[in-house]
């Protein structure tokens, strides 16, 4: 078993997941009209995106890991936002 490949696979998936969290949070900052929030999330997006690309450009089979990470990052971020929204609505009733 190639442990280096597994570590790269997991690393790419995690970095893309985190980049997607930054991506969603960036759009929330833009939507809220908060330039500082959007700008800071954009920095995270670029840095993590660059690290991710560096990982899967060297081995195109890691694009699968990037896809998995993209789904996980977006899913978790949107699910968390929905959870917070539901809790706020419950408190306001």
Protein backbone atom coordinates (compact mmCIF):
# COMPACT_ATOMS: atom_id res chain seq x y z
CA UNK A 1 0.00 0.00 0.00
CA UNK A 2 1.32 3.41 -0.95
CA UNK A 3 1.05 5.51 2.21
CA UNK A 4 2.41 8.63 0.52
CA UNK A 5 -0.45 8.54 -2.01
CA UNK A 6 -3.02 8.12 0.78
CA UNK A 7 -1.56 11.08 2.67
CA UNK A 8 -1.63 13.20 -0.52
CA UNK A 9 -5.22 12.10 -1.22
CA UNK A 10 -6.38 13.05 2.27
CA UNK A 11 -4.36 16.29 2.18
CA UNK A 12 -5.92 17.38 -1.12
CA UNK A 13 -9.42 16.49 0.10
CA UNK A 14 -8.95 18.46 3.32
CA UNK A 15 -7.40 21.49 1.63
CA UNK A 16 -10.20 21.65 -0.95
CA UNK A 17 -12.82 21.20 1.79
CA UNK A 18 -11.31 24.10 3.72
CA UNK A 19 -11.06 26.18 0.54
CA UNK A 20 -14.76 25.55 -0.05
CA UNK A 21 -15.55 26.68 3.49
CA UNK A 22 -13.67 29.90 2.67
CA UNK A 23 -15.55 30.16 -0.63
CA UNK A 24 -18.98 29.90 1.03
CA UNK A 25 -17.97 32.30 3.83
CA UNK A 26 -16.60 34.72 1.23
CA UNK A 27 -19.98 34.81 -0.50
CA UNK A 28 -21.71 35.33 2.85
CA UNK A 29 -19.45 38.33 3.47
CA UNK A 30 -20.24 39.74 0.03
CA UNK A 31 -23.95 39.10 0.56
CA UNK A 32 -23.81 40.86 3.93
CA UNK A 33 -22.03 43.83 2.35
CA UNK A 34 -19.05 43.37 4.67
CA UNK A 35 -15.85 44.06 2.68
CA UNK A 36 -13.44 43.16 5.51
CA UNK A 37 -15.11 39.79 6.13
CA UNK A 38 -15.25 39.02 2.41
CA UNK A 39 -11.64 40.11 1.89
CA UNK A 40 -10.28 37.96 4.71
CA UNK A 41 -12.16 34.90 3.49
CA UNK A 42 -10.86 35.59 -0.03
CA UNK A 43 -7.29 35.39 1.29
CA UNK A 44 -8.00 31.97 2.80
CA UNK A 45 -9.66 30.87 -0.42
CA UNK A 46 -6.66 31.83 -2.55
CA UNK A 47 -4.06 30.31 -0.23
CA UNK A 48 -5.91 27.03 0.28
CA UNK A 49 -6.88 26.91 -3.38
CA UNK A 50 -3.25 27.27 -4.42
CA UNK A 51 -2.19 24.51 -2.02
CA UNK A 52 -4.95 22.28 -3.38
CA UNK A 53 -4.01 22.88 -7.00
CA UNK A 54 -0.37 22.19 -6.21
CA UNK A 55 -1.44 18.82 -4.81
CA UNK A 56 -3.52 17.53 -7.70
CA UNK A 57 -1.63 19.05 -10.63
CA UNK A 58 1.22 16.65 -9.94
CA UNK A 59 -1.16 13.65 -10.05
CA UNK A 60 -4.45 13.94 -11.93
CA UNK A 61 -5.92 10.99 -10.03
CA UNK A 62 -6.10 13.31 -7.01
CA UNK A 63 -8.84 15.28 -8.78
CA UNK A 64 -11.21 12.72 -7.24
CA UNK A 65 -9.96 13.78 -3.80
CA UNK A 66 -10.54 17.41 -4.77
CA UNK A 67 -14.13 16.62 -5.78
CA UNK A 68 -14.77 14.81 -2.52
CA UNK A 69 -13.29 17.69 -0.55
CA UNK A 70 -15.36 20.24 -2.49
CA UNK A 71 -18.58 18.39 -1.66
CA UNK A 72 -17.70 17.93 2.01
CA UNK A 73 -16.60 21.54 2.54
CA UNK A 74 -19.67 23.04 0.93
CA UNK A 75 -22.08 20.59 2.53
CA UNK A 76 -20.76 21.12 6.05
CA UNK A 77 -20.68 24.91 5.73
CA UNK A 78 -24.22 25.23 4.34
CA UNK A 79 -25.60 22.66 6.79
CA UNK A 80 -24.01 24.59 9.68
CA UNK A 81 -25.48 27.87 8.43
CA UNK A 82 -28.94 26.27 8.20
CA UNK A 83 -28.57 24.83 11.70
CA UNK A 84 -27.68 28.26 13.12
CA UNK A 85 -30.60 29.85 11.27
CA UNK A 86 -33.08 27.27 12.65
CA UNK A 87 -31.78 27.78 16.22
CA UNK A 88 -32.17 31.57 15.89
CA UNK A 89 -35.72 31.15 14.64
CA UNK A 90 -36.55 28.86 17.58
CA UNK A 91 -35.17 31.41 20.06
CA UNK A 92 -37.19 34.24 18.50
CA UNK A 93 -40.51 32.36 18.90
